């Protein structure tokens, strides 16, 4: 089972029609996206997060219920649910603007022992790192997971709209990365942290998404770049999450001592197809591909 912990929010995806801008409300938040996608791709998943006592919180809870997701989402009576406004360019690439001051996404409930025991991989989101209480929560959780022999996954998901001091943010991130076994970077994030740094994480499985050029894995001094399928994207929101969920769903129940070149390449090629197909519609979750669609492209 893959246990995902962190931000759940609403992606407000903008489009211009007849000279007017419209926003469509979609469920989002990187670790929530991963939890939904992992389940879609056939592995067991659960999600821990927090929303506000408001209409958006109601929407997200109903969304999780409709997807039959094992969810442990608390509600904060004093904070609103987080929003992320998304602007798409002509290529479907997106930019974000977060409404996230004193909001609920990092007011996370304690992960109960029985839930932690059931997990094989504990996947931690990154937006909580912008707050001291979130950083303490992440570090404590990751250490608890290791004490129980679990694999710990961390997605960089660096957002300049939230982490405005890049130098300070990179320092904070590196402290958390040190506690992870599996780390996911985007190509831009590798540049932010430095290629030498990413290459130096030899005892960790490093997964790097490269957009239309595919992806790369690195592990214990070995590595391989894998091409993706050729499609025309509509909306890249959540593509990296779908990619990473595909990878984690293939690694669930496996051990690093058994990770061969073939094992990792198959897992990341599966992720490649998941991420690419997810760009064919709007939103991070609504257009996740089925296992049958993924199999046809593989």
Foldseek 3Di string as FASTA:
>chain_A
DEEFEFFKAWEFEWDADPNDIHTDTFIDDLSVLLQLLLVLQPFAYEYWWEAEPDPRVVVNVVVCVVSVHHYHYYYDDPAHGKYWYWYADPQQEIATAIPDDRHGGQVTDDDDPVNLLPFQEYEYEDLLLLDPSSLVRLVVVLVVSVVSVHAYEYECPDHCNRVVPLVVSLVSVVVNVVSHQEYEEEPVVCVSNDVVVQQPPANHWYWYQDPQQAIKIHHNHDMDGDHADDDRFNHQVQLSSQLVSQLVSLCGPHDPVPDDPVSNVVSNRLSRLQSVQCRNDDHNNPRGDHNVVSVVRD
